[in-house]
Amino acid sequence: MASEATEPVRQLIAWSDVDHPVPGDRPDVALLEQAHRHRILGLVLTRVPPPLDQATRLRMLLQTSLFERQERTLLALAPILNAKSLKWTVERGRAVETLLYPRSALRGSADIDLIVAPGHHERLSRCLRTLGWRLSVARRYHGEEVWKKPHQSTLEVHFHKPFIDWSRLQHFSLGGRLLPALGWEDQMLAMSEHLTLDHAHAVLLLWCYDIARLVRQRSRDLDWRSLWTRAGRHGLRYCVTQALNWARATYGWPDEATPDWPARLRPAWPPPAIPTGTLRRWAMHLQAQLRATRGPGDALVKLCLLPISWALWRPGAQMKYQWWRWSRRKS
């Protein structure tokens, strides 16, 4: 990332990358506030000696409280969902934190993400209502719902993830109980889709670091050619390429970590790891949405947004180059 990153962002990257030595001077309060916004405060504080200012201590107490609430919610729900024979799994969040990070409560998370298999969504909804959960937001166009219950963590349920291979689930331990998690290839696809389609307008360093840690630690468990084939089958090649470019430009990993990644996917220049400018971020978001359509109606709506994306993108040559690359991949 680096040439395009501001000095505070470069410092955040250096302090949050726990696989490398401590970068030097103690981060100031403003930098810790930025770390909290990017959900990497726990990572940064593992390398900062005490004492901490009061605001930082309060933020960590809040993060720990959210962590404990999420654990209670998952441990209460898991046996009930299993007893109903529902096919479900934990996406990102607690699963990624447990499987990829050295210890718990380092990775900030605002809610619990669950994925439910096709055909199980209605049964899951009925089960949650029976348990006192209330449907807060329904984004059926994006295939997700937000459920809330007093004194419980917010649940974000995803029911349109056709790329998930339910035969490749793995498990992680939480509070002495084994909970289902996505396999590594599915985890990469889900992370890439989440980062590129849902949050390209506000990229957080945490998501880039998640992908970087997955590549660094589990590269041998990933079949990159199979991943590329599956991404193409579900319209996610752009998402995977863009997410990997952002993560590598930000945190980096050695070339040998991705030996089977097709060389032609590497762009002529790395796209910015942290997009700058509101219009440019939204243009990138629209551009990404155009590349992952879910049916004829979805494609028609997104094609109507293409002129807006074209008008907002600056510089125009960069947009034309990206469009040319996409057209070549489609052909």
C-alpha atoms as a PDB file:
ATOM      1  CA  MET A   1       0.000   0.000   0.000  1.00  0.00           C
ATOM      2  CA  ALA A   2       2.111   2.021   0.631  1.00  0.00           C
ATOM      3  CA  SER A   3       2.950   4.822  -1.566  1.00  0.00           C
ATOM      4  CA  GLU A   4      -0.674   5.981  -1.535  1.00  0.00           C
ATOM      5  CA  ALA A   5      -1.197   5.611   2.223  1.00  0.00           C
ATOM      6  CA  THR A   6      -0.982   8.541   4.591  1.00  0.00           C
ATOM      7  CA  GLU A   7       1.544   8.405   7.412  1.00  0.00           C
ATOM      8  CA  PRO A   8      -1.070   7.538  10.107  1.00  0.00           C
ATOM      9  CA  VAL A   9      -2.327   4.621   7.985  1.00  0.00           C
ATOM     10  CA  ARG A  10       1.227   3.352   7.471  1.00  0.00           C
ATOM     11  CA  GLN A  11       1.745   3.488  11.239  1.00  0.00           C
ATOM     12  CA  LEU A  12      -1.514   1.600  11.837  1.00  0.00           C
ATOM     13  CA  ILE A  13      -0.441  -1.124   9.408  1.00  0.00           C
ATOM     14  CA  ALA A  14       2.952  -1.480  11.092  1.00  0.00           C
ATOM     15  CA  TRP A  15       1.529  -1.584  14.631  1.00  0.00           C
ATOM     16  CA  SER A  16      -1.294  -4.019  13.852  1.00  0.00           C
ATOM     17  CA  ASP A  17       0.806  -6.594  11.979  1.00  0.00           C
ATOM     18  CA  VAL A  18       1.672  -8.827  14.928  1.00  0.00           C
ATOM     19  CA  ASP A  19       3.761 -11.133  12.720  1.00  0.00           C
ATOM     20  CA  HIS A  20       6.470  -8.460  12.512  1.00  0.00           C
ATOM     21  CA  PRO A  21       8.589  -6.662  15.145  1.00  0.00           C
ATOM     22  CA  VAL A  22       7.279  -3.624  17.008  1.00  0.00           C
ATOM     23  CA  PRO A  23       7.856  -0.639  14.679  1.00  0.00           C
ATOM     24  CA  GLY A  24       9.259   1.841  17.207  1.00  0.00           C
ATOM     25  CA  ASP A  25       7.740   4.866  18.917  1.00  0.00           C
ATOM     26  CA  ARG A  26       4.660   4.373  21.055  1.00  0.00           C
ATOM     27  CA  PRO A  27       1.455   5.266  19.125  1.00  0.00           C
ATOM     28  CA  ASP A  28      -0.279   8.442  20.242  1.00  0.00           C
ATOM     29  CA  VAL A  29      -3.932   8.780  21.305  1.00  0.00           C
ATOM     30  CA  ALA A  30      -5.095   9.863  17.842  1.00  0.00           C
ATOM     31  CA  LEU A  31      -3.568   6.755  16.293  1.00  0.00           C
ATOM     32  CA  LEU A  32      -5.272   4.530  18.888  1.00  0.00           C
ATOM     33  CA  GLU A  33      -8.584   6.175  18.003  1.00  0.00           C
ATOM     34  CA  GLN A  34      -7.974   5.287  14.343  1.00  0.00           C
ATOM     35  CA  ALA A  35      -7.112   1.729  15.378  1.00  0.00           C
ATOM     36  CA  HIS A  36     -10.442   1.492  17.203  1.00  0.00           C
ATOM     37  CA  ARG A  37     -12.290   2.715  14.084  1.00  0.00           C
ATOM     38  CA  HIS A  38     -10.547   0.066  11.960  1.00  0.00           C
ATOM     39  CA  ARG A  39     -11.322  -2.622  14.635  1.00  0.00           C
ATOM     40  CA  ILE A  40      -7.651  -3.444  15.178  1.00  0.00           C
ATOM     41  CA  LEU A  41      -7.238  -1.829  18.604  1.00  0.00           C
ATOM     42  CA  GLY A  42      -6.768  -5.210  20.301  1.00  0.00           C
ATOM     43  CA  LEU A  43      -3.962  -6.091  17.884  1.00  0.00           C
ATOM     44  CA  VAL A  44      -2.196  -2.766  18.395  1.00  0.00           C
ATOM     45  CA  LEU A  45      -2.434  -2.901  22.196  1.00  0.00           C
ATOM     46  CA  THR A  46      -0.728  -6.297  22.358  1.00  0.00           C
ATOM     47  CA  ARG A  47       2.443  -4.421  21.394  1.00  0.00           C
ATOM     48  CA  VAL A  48       1.934  -1.234  23.455  1.00  0.00           C
ATOM     49  CA  PRO A  49       3.355  -1.214  27.002  1.00  0.00           C
ATOM     50  CA  PRO A  50       1.193   0.246  29.805  1.00  0.00           C
ATOM     51  CA  PRO A  51      -0.036   2.668  30.983  1.00  0.00           C
ATOM     52  CA  LEU A  52      -2.978   3.333  28.666  1.00  0.00           C
ATOM     53  CA  ASP A  53      -5.104   6.462  28.592  1.00  0.00           C
ATOM     54  CA  GLN A  54      -8.623   6.256  30.000  1.00  0.00           C
ATOM     55  CA  ALA A  55     -10.390   6.422  26.619  1.00  0.00           C
ATOM     56  CA  THR A  56      -8.360   3.482  25.285  1.00  0.00           C
ATOM     57  CA  ARG A  57      -9.068   1.416  28.418  1.00  0.00           C
ATOM     58  CA  LEU A  58     -12.794   2.092  28.036  1.00  0.00           C
ATOM     59  CA  ARG A  59     -12.691   1.056  24.376  1.00  0.00           C
ATOM     60  CA  MET A  60     -10.982  -2.213  25.280  1.00  0.00           C
ATOM     61  CA  LEU A  61     -13.507  -2.851  28.053  1.00  0.00           C
ATOM     62  CA  LEU A  62     -16.287  -2.322  25.525  1.00  0.00           C
ATOM     63  CA  GLN A  63     -14.635  -4.693  23.041  1.00  0.00           C
ATOM     64  CA  THR A  64     -14.172  -7.339  25.744  1.00  0.00           C
ATOM     65  CA  SER A  65     -17.812  -6.931  26.799  1.00  0.00           C
ATOM     66  CA  LEU A  66     -18.977  -7.407  23.198  1.00  0.00           C
ATOM     67  CA  PHE A  67     -16.719 -10.454  22.905  1.00  0.00           C
ATOM     68  CA  GLU A  68     -18.247 -12.067  26.004  1.00  0.00           C
ATOM     69  CA  ARG A  69     -21.789 -11.270  24.879  1.00  0.00           C
ATOM     70  CA  GLN A  70     -21.151 -12.846  21.467  1.00  0.00           C
ATOM     71  CA  GLU A  71     -19.780 -15.959  23.144  1.00  0.00           C
ATOM     72  CA  ARG A  72     -22.859 -16.266  25.371  1.00  0.00           C
ATOM     73  CA  THR A  73     -25.182 -15.779  22.398  1.00  0.00           C
ATOM     74  CA  LEU A  74     -23.463 -18.398  20.251  1.00  0.00           C
ATOM     75  CA  LEU A  75     -23.256 -20.956  23.045  1.00  0.00           C
ATOM     76  CA  ALA A  76     -26.963 -20.503  23.784  1.00  0.00           C
ATOM     77  CA  LEU A  77     -28.054 -20.745  20.150  1.00  0.00           C
ATOM     78  CA  ALA A  78     -25.830 -23.572  18.912  1.00  0.00           C
ATOM     79  CA  PRO A  79     -27.493 -26.534  20.720  1.00  0.00           C
ATOM     80  CA  ILE A  80     -30.969 -25.295  19.776  1.00  0.00           C
ATOM     81  CA  LEU A  81     -30.123 -24.901  16.084  1.00  0.00           C
ATOM     82  CA  ASN A  82     -28.454 -28.313  16.051  1.00  0.00           C
ATOM     83  CA  ALA A  83     -31.458 -29.907  17.766  1.00  0.00           C
ATOM     84  CA  LYS A  84     -33.669 -28.512  14.970  1.00  0.00           C
ATOM     85  CA  SER A  85     -31.352 -30.182  12.389  1.00  0.00           C
ATOM     86  CA  LEU A  86     -30.606 -26.826  10.783  1.00  0.00           C
ATOM     87  CA  LYS A  87     -27.610 -26.560   8.483  1.00  0.00           C
ATOM     88  CA  TRP A  88     -25.748 -23.420   9.545  1.00  0.00           C
ATOM     89  CA  THR A  89     -22.248 -22.094  10.094  1.00  0.00           C
ATOM     90  CA  VAL A  90     -20.447 -19.104  11.580  1.00  0.00           C
ATOM     91  CA  GLU A  91     -19.007 -16.695   9.014  1.00  0.00           C
ATOM     92  CA  ARG A  92     -15.974 -14.454   9.668  1.00  0.00           C
ATOM     93  CA  GLY A  93     -16.052 -12.890  13.154  1.00  0.00           C
ATOM     94  CA  ARG A  94     -15.589 -15.400  15.937  1.00  0.00           C
ATOM     95  CA  ALA A  95     -14.603 -18.248  13.624  1.00  0.00           C
ATOM     96  CA  VAL A  96     -11.813 -16.252  11.968  1.00  0.00           C
ATOM     97  CA  GLU A  97     -10.626 -14.901  15.307  1.00  0.00           C
ATOM     98  CA  THR A  98     -10.374 -18.357  16.857  1.00  0.00           C
ATOM     99  CA  LEU A  99      -8.803 -20.084  13.849  1.00  0.00           C
ATOM    100  CA  LEU A 100      -6.341 -17.423  12.655  1.00  0.00           C
ATOM    101  CA  TYR A 101      -5.430 -15.200  15.591  1.00  0.00           C
ATOM    102  CA  PRO A 102      -3.057 -16.065  18.450  1.00  0.00           C
ATOM    103  CA  ARG A 103      -5.648 -15.481  21.165  1.00  0.00           C
ATOM    104  CA  SER A 104      -9.205 -14.287  21.640  1.00  0.00           C
ATOM    105  CA  ALA A 105     -10.496 -10.712  21.884  1.00  0.00           C
ATOM    106  CA  LEU A 106      -7.797  -9.342  19.555  1.00  0.00           C
ATOM    107  CA  ARG A 107     -10.124  -8.919  16.608  1.00  0.00           C
ATOM    108  CA  GLY A 108     -12.975  -6.458  17.034  1.00  0.00           C
ATOM    109  CA  SER A 109     -16.399  -7.585  15.826  1.00  0.00           C
ATOM    110  CA  ALA A 110     -19.713  -5.745  15.999  1.00  0.00           C
ATOM    111  CA  ASP A 111     -22.100  -8.678  15.509  1.00  0.00           C
ATOM    112  CA  ILE A 112     -22.387 -12.401  14.802  1.00  0.00           C
ATOM    113  CA  ASP A 113     -22.560 -13.509  11.167  1.00  0.00           C
ATOM    114  CA  LEU A 114     -24.357 -16.775  10.450  1.00  0.00           C
ATOM    115  CA  ILE A 115     -24.841 -18.499   7.089  1.00  0.00           C
ATOM    116  CA  VAL A 116     -27.776 -20.833   6.623  1.00  0.00           C
ATOM    117  CA  ALA A 117     -27.977 -23.447   3.872  1.00  0.00           C
ATOM    118  CA  PRO A 118     -30.547 -23.165   1.047  1.00  0.00           C
ATOM    119  CA  GLY A 119     -33.925 -24.466   2.162  1.00  0.00           C
ATOM    120  CA  HIS A 120     -33.215 -23.870   5.852  1.00  0.00           C
ATOM    121  CA  HIS A 121     -33.812 -20.115   6.019  1.00  0.00           C
ATOM    122  CA  GLU A 122     -37.541 -20.180   6.838  1.00  0.00           C
ATOM    123  CA  ARG A 123     -37.028 -22.802   9.529  1.00  0.00           C
ATOM    124  CA  LEU A 124     -34.254 -20.714  11.075  1.00  0.00           C
ATOM    125  CA  SER A 125     -36.491 -17.624  11.054  1.00  0.00           C
ATOM    126  CA  ARG A 126     -39.305 -19.490  12.810  1.00  0.00           C
ATOM    127  CA  CYS A 127     -36.846 -20.836  15.359  1.00  0.00           C
ATOM    128  CA  LEU A 128     -35.447 -17.369  16.135  1.00  0.00           C
ATOM    129  CA  ARG A 129     -38.941 -15.901  16.549  1.00  0.00           C
ATOM    130  CA  THR A 130     -39.845 -18.698  18.934  1.00  0.00           C
ATOM    131  CA  LEU A 131     -36.771 -17.824  21.006  1.00  0.00           C
ATOM    132  CA  GLY A 132     -37.795 -14.168  21.246  1.00  0.00           C
ATOM    133  CA  TRP A 133     -35.622 -12.695  18.510  1.00  0.00           C
ATOM    134  CA  ARG A 134     -37.019  -9.777  16.472  1.00  0.00           C
ATOM    135  CA  LEU A 135     -36.347  -9.179  12.785  1.00  0.00           C
ATOM    136  CA  SER A 136     -34.816  -5.698  12.677  1.00  0.00           C
ATOM    137  CA  VAL A 137     -33.680  -5.319   9.062  1.00  0.00           C
ATOM    138  CA  ALA A 138     -34.482  -7.483   6.023  1.00  0.00           C
ATOM    139  CA  ARG A 139     -32.214  -6.949   3.030  1.00  0.00           C
ATOM    140  CA  ARG A 140     -33.633  -9.716   0.879  1.00  0.00           C
ATOM    141  CA  TYR A 141     -32.086  -8.226  -2.246  1.00  0.00           C
ATOM    142  CA  HIS A 142     -28.668  -8.917  -0.686  1.00  0.00           C
ATOM    143  CA  GLY A 143     -29.786 -12.156   0.947  1.00  0.00           C
ATOM    144  CA  GLU A 144     -29.355 -11.093   4.559  1.00  0.00           C
ATOM    145  CA  GLU A 145     -31.387 -10.291   7.660  1.00  0.00           C
ATOM    146  CA  VAL A 146     -30.524  -8.633  10.961  1.00  0.00           C
ATOM    147  CA  TRP A 147     -32.055 -10.075  14.137  1.00  0.00           C
ATOM    148  CA  LYS A 148     -31.994  -8.522  17.599  1.00  0.00           C
ATOM    149  CA  LYS A 149     -32.877  -9.586  21.110  1.00  0.00           C
ATOM    150  CA  PRO A 150     -32.393  -7.740  24.418  1.00  0.00           C
ATOM    151  CA  HIS A 151     -29.130  -8.586  26.190  1.00  0.00           C
ATOM    152  CA  GLN A 152     -27.916 -10.619  23.200  1.00  0.00           C
ATOM    153  CA  SER A 153     -25.495  -9.829  20.378  1.00  0.00           C
ATOM    154  CA  THR A 154     -26.950  -8.791  17.040  1.00  0.00           C
ATOM    155  CA  LEU A 155     -27.309 -11.648  14.556  1.00  0.00           C
ATOM    156  CA  GLU A 156     -26.708 -11.095  10.849  1.00  0.00           C
ATOM    157  CA  VAL A 157     -28.128 -14.071   8.952  1.00  0.00           C
ATOM    158  CA  HIS A 158     -27.015 -14.673   5.354  1.00  0.00           C
ATOM    159  CA  PHE A 159     -29.186 -17.000   3.293  1.00  0.00           C
ATOM    160  CA  HIS A 160     -27.932 -16.445  -0.268  1.00  0.00           C
ATOM    161  CA  LYS A 161     -24.382 -17.800  -0.452  1.00  0.00           C
ATOM    162  CA  PRO A 162     -24.511 -20.279  -3.352  1.00  0.00           C
ATOM    163  CA  PHE A 163     -20.721 -20.645  -3.458  1.00  0.00           C
ATOM    164  CA  ILE A 164     -20.555 -22.374  -0.051  1.00  0.00           C
ATOM    165  CA  ASP A 165     -19.508 -26.040  -0.186  1.00  0.00           C
ATOM    166  CA  TRP A 166     -21.340 -27.499   2.806  1.00  0.00           C
ATOM    167  CA  SER A 167     -19.314 -30.712   2.632  1.00  0.00           C
ATOM    168  CA  ARG A 168     -16.101 -28.825   3.525  1.00  0.00           C
ATOM    169  CA  LEU A 169     -17.082 -27.262   6.838  1.00  0.00           C
ATOM    170  CA  GLN A 170     -14.545 -27.277   9.650  1.00  0.00           C
ATOM    171  CA  HIS A 171     -15.066 -26.663  13.374  1.00  0.00           C
ATOM    172  CA  PHE A 172     -13.651 -24.359  16.022  1.00  0.00           C
ATOM    173  CA  SER A 173     -13.863 -24.545  19.788  1.00  0.00           C
ATOM    174  CA  LEU A 174     -15.731 -21.904  21.766  1.00  0.00           C
ATOM    175  CA  GLY A 175     -16.431 -22.297  25.466  1.00  0.00           C
ATOM    176  CA  GLY A 176     -15.767 -26.022  25.280  1.00  0.00           C
ATOM    177  CA  ARG A 177     -18.253 -26.536  22.428  1.00  0.00           C
ATOM    178  CA  LEU A 178     -17.426 -27.255  18.772  1.00  0.00           C
ATOM    179  CA  LEU A 179     -19.119 -24.850  16.357  1.00  0.00           C
ATOM    180  CA  PRO A 180     -19.196 -25.062  12.537  1.00  0.00           C
ATOM    181  CA  ALA A 181     -17.050 -22.723  10.427  1.00  0.00           C
ATOM    182  CA  LEU A 182     -16.426 -22.349   6.697  1.00  0.00           C
ATOM    183  CA  GLY A 183     -13.619 -24.259   5.004  1.00  0.00           C
ATOM    184  CA  TRP A 184     -10.608 -22.183   3.992  1.00  0.00           C
ATOM    185  CA  GLU A 185     -11.577 -21.785   0.328  1.00  0.00           C
ATOM    186  CA  ASP A 186     -15.118 -20.789   1.264  1.00  0.00           C
ATOM    187  CA  GLN A 187     -13.709 -18.451   3.909  1.00  0.00           C
ATOM    188  CA  MET A 188     -11.626 -16.697   1.268  1.00  0.00           C
ATOM    189  CA  LEU A 189     -14.609 -16.367  -1.076  1.00  0.00           C
ATOM    190  CA  ALA A 190     -16.828 -15.044   1.724  1.00  0.00           C
ATOM    191  CA  MET A 191     -14.206 -12.538   2.912  1.00  0.00           C
ATOM    192  CA  SER A 192     -13.629 -11.302  -0.633  1.00  0.00           C
ATOM    193  CA  GLU A 193     -17.329 -10.899  -1.337  1.00  0.00           C
ATOM    194  CA  HIS A 194     -17.883  -9.095   1.970  1.00  0.00           C
ATOM    195  CA  LEU A 195     -14.981  -6.697   1.483  1.00  0.00           C
ATOM    196  CA  THR A 196     -15.465  -5.918  -2.210  1.00  0.00           C
ATOM    197  CA  LEU A 197     -19.250  -5.911  -2.608  1.00  0.00           C
ATOM    198  CA  ASP A 198     -20.512  -4.817   0.797  1.00  0.00           C
ATOM    199  CA  HIS A 199     -17.805  -2.497   2.091  1.00  0.00           C
ATOM    200  CA  ALA A 200     -15.732  -1.167  -0.797  1.00  0.00           C
ATOM    201  CA  HIS A 201     -16.950   2.309   0.183  1.00  0.00           C
ATOM    202  CA  ALA A 202     -15.426   1.993   3.676  1.00  0.00           C
ATOM    203  CA  VAL A 203     -12.574  -0.512   3.711  1.00  0.00           C
ATOM    204  CA  LEU A 204     -11.294  -1.312   7.193  1.00  0.00           C
ATOM    205  CA  LEU A 205      -7.749  -2.523   7.850  1.00  0.00           C
ATOM    206  CA  LEU A 206      -9.157  -5.433   9.861  1.00  0.00           C
ATOM    207  CA  TRP A 207     -10.630  -7.107   6.774  1.00  0.00           C
ATOM    208  CA  CYS A 208      -7.405  -6.694   4.812  1.00  0.00           C
ATOM    209  CA  TYR A 209      -5.506  -8.217   7.738  1.00  0.00           C
ATOM    210  CA  ASP A 210      -7.930 -11.154   7.927  1.00  0.00           C
ATOM    211  CA  ILE A 211      -7.166 -12.040   4.307  1.00  0.00           C
ATOM    212  CA  ALA A 212      -3.423 -11.506   4.780  1.00  0.00           C
ATOM    213  CA  ARG A 213      -3.357 -13.838   7.815  1.00  0.00           C
ATOM    214  CA  LEU A 214      -5.369 -16.452   5.936  1.00  0.00           C
ATOM    215  CA  VAL A 215      -2.892 -16.422   3.036  1.00  0.00           C
ATOM    216  CA  ARG A 216       0.173 -16.409   5.304  1.00  0.00           C
ATOM    217  CA  GLN A 217      -0.994 -19.209   7.590  1.00  0.00           C
ATOM    218  CA  ARG A 218      -3.206 -21.406   5.409  1.00  0.00           C
ATOM    219  CA  SER A 219      -1.806 -21.004   1.916  1.00  0.00           C
ATOM    220  CA  ARG A 220      -0.912 -24.711   1.771  1.00  0.00           C
ATOM    221  CA  ASP A 221      -4.526 -25.600   2.618  1.00  0.00           C
ATOM    222  CA  LEU A 222      -5.849 -23.541  -0.300  1.00  0.00           C
ATOM    223  CA  ASP A 223      -6.172 -24.972  -3.790  1.00  0.00           C
ATOM    224  CA  TRP A 224      -5.749 -21.696  -5.666  1.00  0.00           C
ATOM    225  CA  ARG A 225      -6.811 -23.047  -9.051  1.00  0.00           C
ATOM    226  CA  SER A 226      -9.911 -24.604  -7.559  1.00  0.00           C
ATOM    227  CA  LEU A 227     -10.614 -21.324  -5.788  1.00  0.00           C
ATOM    228  CA  TRP A 228     -10.296 -19.418  -9.064  1.00  0.00           C
ATOM    229  CA  THR A 229     -12.590 -21.878 -10.859  1.00  0.00           C
ATOM    230  CA  ARG A 230     -15.256 -21.656  -8.150  1.00  0.00           C
ATOM    231  CA  ALA A 231     -15.002 -17.871  -8.069  1.00  0.00           C
ATOM    232  CA  GLY A 232     -15.614 -17.774 -11.831  1.00  0.00           C
ATOM    233  CA  ARG A 233     -18.575 -20.113 -11.520  1.00  0.00           C
ATOM    234  CA  HIS A 234     -20.297 -17.709  -9.100  1.00  0.00           C
ATOM    235  CA  GLY A 235     -19.228 -14.362 -10.575  1.00  0.00           C
ATOM    236  CA  LEU A 236     -16.697 -13.621  -7.835  1.00  0.00           C
ATOM    237  CA  ARG A 237     -13.399 -13.498  -9.746  1.00  0.00           C
ATOM    238  CA  TYR A 238     -13.274  -9.727  -9.623  1.00  0.00           C
ATOM    239  CA  CYS A 239     -14.044  -9.793  -5.883  1.00  0.00           C
ATOM    240  CA  VAL A 240     -11.288 -12.286  -5.076  1.00  0.00           C
ATOM    241  CA  THR A 241      -8.697 -10.500  -7.219  1.00  0.00           C
ATOM    242  CA  GLN A 242      -9.507  -7.068  -5.811  1.00  0.00           C
ATOM    243  CA  ALA A 243      -9.580  -8.272  -2.196  1.00  0.00           C
ATOM    244  CA  LEU A 244      -6.244 -10.076  -2.587  1.00  0.00           C
ATOM    245  CA  ASN A 245      -4.725  -6.995  -4.198  1.00  0.00           C
ATOM    246  CA  TRP A 246      -5.889  -4.788  -1.326  1.00  0.00           C
ATOM    247  CA  ALA A 247      -4.673  -7.207   1.322  1.00  0.00           C
ATOM    248  CA  ARG A 248      -1.300  -7.777  -0.310  1.00  0.00           C
ATOM    249  CA  ALA A 249      -0.726  -4.091  -0.994  1.00  0.00           C
ATOM    250  CA  THR A 250      -1.523  -3.392   2.675  1.00  0.00           C
ATOM    251  CA  TYR A 251       0.058  -6.200   4.718  1.00  0.00           C
ATOM    252  CA  GLY A 252       1.846  -8.287   2.110  1.00  0.00           C
ATOM    253  CA  TRP A 253       3.024 -11.881   1.901  1.00  0.00           C
ATOM    254  CA  PRO A 254       5.805 -13.680  -0.005  1.00  0.00           C
ATOM    255  CA  ASP A 255       5.267 -14.770  -3.612  1.00  0.00           C
ATOM    256  CA  GLU A 256       5.600 -18.423  -2.673  1.00  0.00           C
ATOM    257  CA  ALA A 257       2.414 -18.128  -0.565  1.00  0.00           C
ATOM    258  CA  THR A 258       0.350 -18.074  -3.774  1.00  0.00           C
ATOM    259  CA  PRO A 259       2.319 -20.339  -6.158  1.00  0.00           C
ATOM    260  CA  ASP A 260      -0.637 -21.453  -8.289  1.00  0.00           C
ATOM    261  CA  TRP A 261      -2.345 -18.089  -8.602  1.00  0.00           C
ATOM    262  CA  PRO A 262      -2.660 -17.285 -12.349  1.00  0.00           C
ATOM    263  CA  ALA A 263      -0.044 -14.676 -13.225  1.00  0.00           C
ATOM    264  CA  ARG A 264      -2.352 -12.809 -15.585  1.00  0.00           C
ATOM    265  CA  LEU A 265      -4.508 -11.771 -12.630  1.00  0.00           C
ATOM    266  CA  ARG A 266      -1.829  -9.493 -11.226  1.00  0.00           C
ATOM    267  CA  PRO A 267      -2.757  -5.967 -12.383  1.00  0.00           C
ATOM    268  CA  ALA A 268      -0.319  -3.571 -14.044  1.00  0.00           C
ATOM    269  CA  TRP A 269      -0.398  -1.449 -10.900  1.00  0.00           C
ATOM    270  CA  PRO A 270      -1.858  -2.294  -7.469  1.00  0.00           C
ATOM    271  CA  PRO A 271      -5.240  -0.665  -6.769  1.00  0.00           C
ATOM    272  CA  PRO A 272      -5.311   1.509  -3.631  1.00  0.00           C
ATOM    273  CA  ALA A 273      -5.586  -0.617  -0.513  1.00  0.00           C
ATOM    274  CA  ILE A 274      -7.593   2.069   1.292  1.00  0.00           C
ATOM    275  CA  PRO A 275      -9.741   3.982  -1.226  1.00  0.00           C
ATOM    276  CA  THR A 276      -9.736   7.740  -0.691  1.00  0.00           C
ATOM    277  CA  GLY A 277     -12.544  10.131  -1.557  1.00  0.00           C
ATOM    278  CA  THR A 278     -16.246   9.473  -1.048  1.00  0.00           C
ATOM    279  CA  LEU A 279     -17.172   9.549  -4.747  1.00  0.00           C
ATOM    280  CA  ARG A 280     -14.342   7.235  -5.690  1.00  0.00           C
ATOM    281  CA  ARG A 281     -15.299   4.763  -2.958  1.00  0.00           C
ATOM    282  CA  TRP A 282     -18.907   4.620  -4.099  1.00  0.00           C
ATOM    283  CA  ALA A 283     -17.830   4.281  -7.723  1.00  0.00           C
ATOM    284  CA  MET A 284     -15.675   1.301  -6.740  1.00  0.00           C
ATOM    285  CA  HIS A 285     -18.618  -0.172  -4.849  1.00  0.00           C
ATOM    286  CA  LEU A 286     -20.932   0.138  -7.875  1.00  0.00           C
ATOM    287  CA  GLN A 287     -18.295  -1.284 -10.156  1.00  0.00           C
ATOM    288  CA  ALA A 288     -17.895  -4.319  -7.897  1.00  0.00           C
ATOM    289  CA  GLN A 289     -21.662  -4.839  -7.685  1.00  0.00           C
ATOM    290  CA  LEU A 290     -21.885  -4.923 -11.479  1.00  0.00           C
ATOM    291  CA  ARG A 291     -19.552  -7.906 -11.564  1.00  0.00           C
ATOM    292  CA  ALA A 292     -21.606 -10.196  -9.324  1.00  0.00           C
ATOM    293  CA  THR A 293     -25.169 -10.398 -10.606  1.00  0.00           C
ATOM    294  CA  ARG A 294     -27.813 -12.681  -9.145  1.00  0.00           C
ATOM    295  CA  GLY A 295     -30.340 -13.191 -11.915  1.00  0.00           C
ATOM    296  CA  PRO A 296     -31.683 -11.165 -14.885  1.00  0.00           C
ATOM    297  CA  GLY A 297     -33.470  -8.571 -12.724  1.00  0.00           C
ATOM    298  CA  ASP A 298     -30.347  -8.024 -10.654  1.00  0.00           C
ATOM    299  CA  ALA A 299     -28.268  -7.585 -13.812  1.00  0.00           C
ATOM    300  CA  LEU A 300     -30.738  -5.043 -15.260  1.00  0.00           C
ATOM    301  CA  VAL A 301     -30.694  -2.888 -12.123  1.00  0.00           C
ATOM    302  CA  LYS A 302     -26.922  -2.913 -11.965  1.00  0.00           C
ATOM    303  CA  LEU A 303     -26.554  -2.084 -15.641  1.00  0.00           C
ATOM    304  CA  CYS A 304     -28.647   1.030 -15.000  1.00  0.00           C
ATOM    305  CA  LEU A 305     -26.062   2.034 -12.400  1.00  0.00           C
ATOM    306  CA  LEU A 306     -23.169   1.670 -14.845  1.00  0.00           C
ATOM    307  CA  PRO A 307     -23.310   5.286 -16.181  1.00  0.00           C
ATOM    308  CA  ILE A 308     -23.213   6.585 -12.618  1.00  0.00           C
ATOM    309  CA  SER A 309     -20.179   4.461 -11.845  1.00  0.00           C
ATOM    310  CA  TRP A 310     -18.504   5.591 -15.061  1.00  0.00           C
ATOM    311  CA  ALA A 311     -19.164   9.270 -14.290  1.00  0.00           C
ATOM    312  CA  LEU A 312     -17.877   9.093 -10.728  1.00  0.00           C
ATOM    313  CA  TRP A 313     -14.695   7.162 -11.433  1.00  0.00           C
ATOM    314  CA  ARG A 314     -11.532   9.284 -11.606  1.00  0.00           C
ATOM    315  CA  PRO A 315      -9.264   9.129 -13.471  1.00  0.00           C
ATOM    316  CA  GLY A 316     -11.289   7.923 -16.444  1.00  0.00           C
ATOM    317  CA  ALA A 317      -8.385   5.959 -17.913  1.00  0.00           C
ATOM    318  CA  GLN A 318      -8.218   3.773 -14.817  1.00  0.00           C
ATOM    319  CA  MET A 319     -11.905   2.912 -15.104  1.00  0.00           C
ATOM    320  CA  LYS A 320     -11.498   2.096 -18.807  1.00  0.00           C
ATOM    321  CA  TYR A 321      -8.562  -0.159 -18.035  1.00  0.00           C
ATOM    322  CA  GLN A 322     -10.505  -2.019 -15.338  1.00  0.00           C
ATOM    323  CA  TRP A 323     -13.466  -2.351 -17.706  1.00  0.00           C
ATOM    324  CA  TRP A 324     -11.198  -3.705 -20.442  1.00  0.00           C
ATOM    325  CA  ARG A 325      -9.735  -6.306 -18.049  1.00  0.00           C
ATOM    326  CA  TRP A 326     -13.227  -7.354 -16.957  1.00  0.00           C
ATOM    327  CA  SER A 327     -14.407  -7.665 -20.586  1.00  0.00           C
ATOM    328  CA  ARG A 328     -11.412  -9.877 -21.419  1.00  0.00           C
ATOM    329  CA  ARG A 329     -12.160 -12.142 -18.450  1.00  0.00           C
ATOM    330  CA  LYS A 330     -15.809 -12.441 -19.463  1.00  0.00           C
ATOM    331  CA  SER A 331     -14.838 -13.304 -23.046  1.00  0.00           C
END
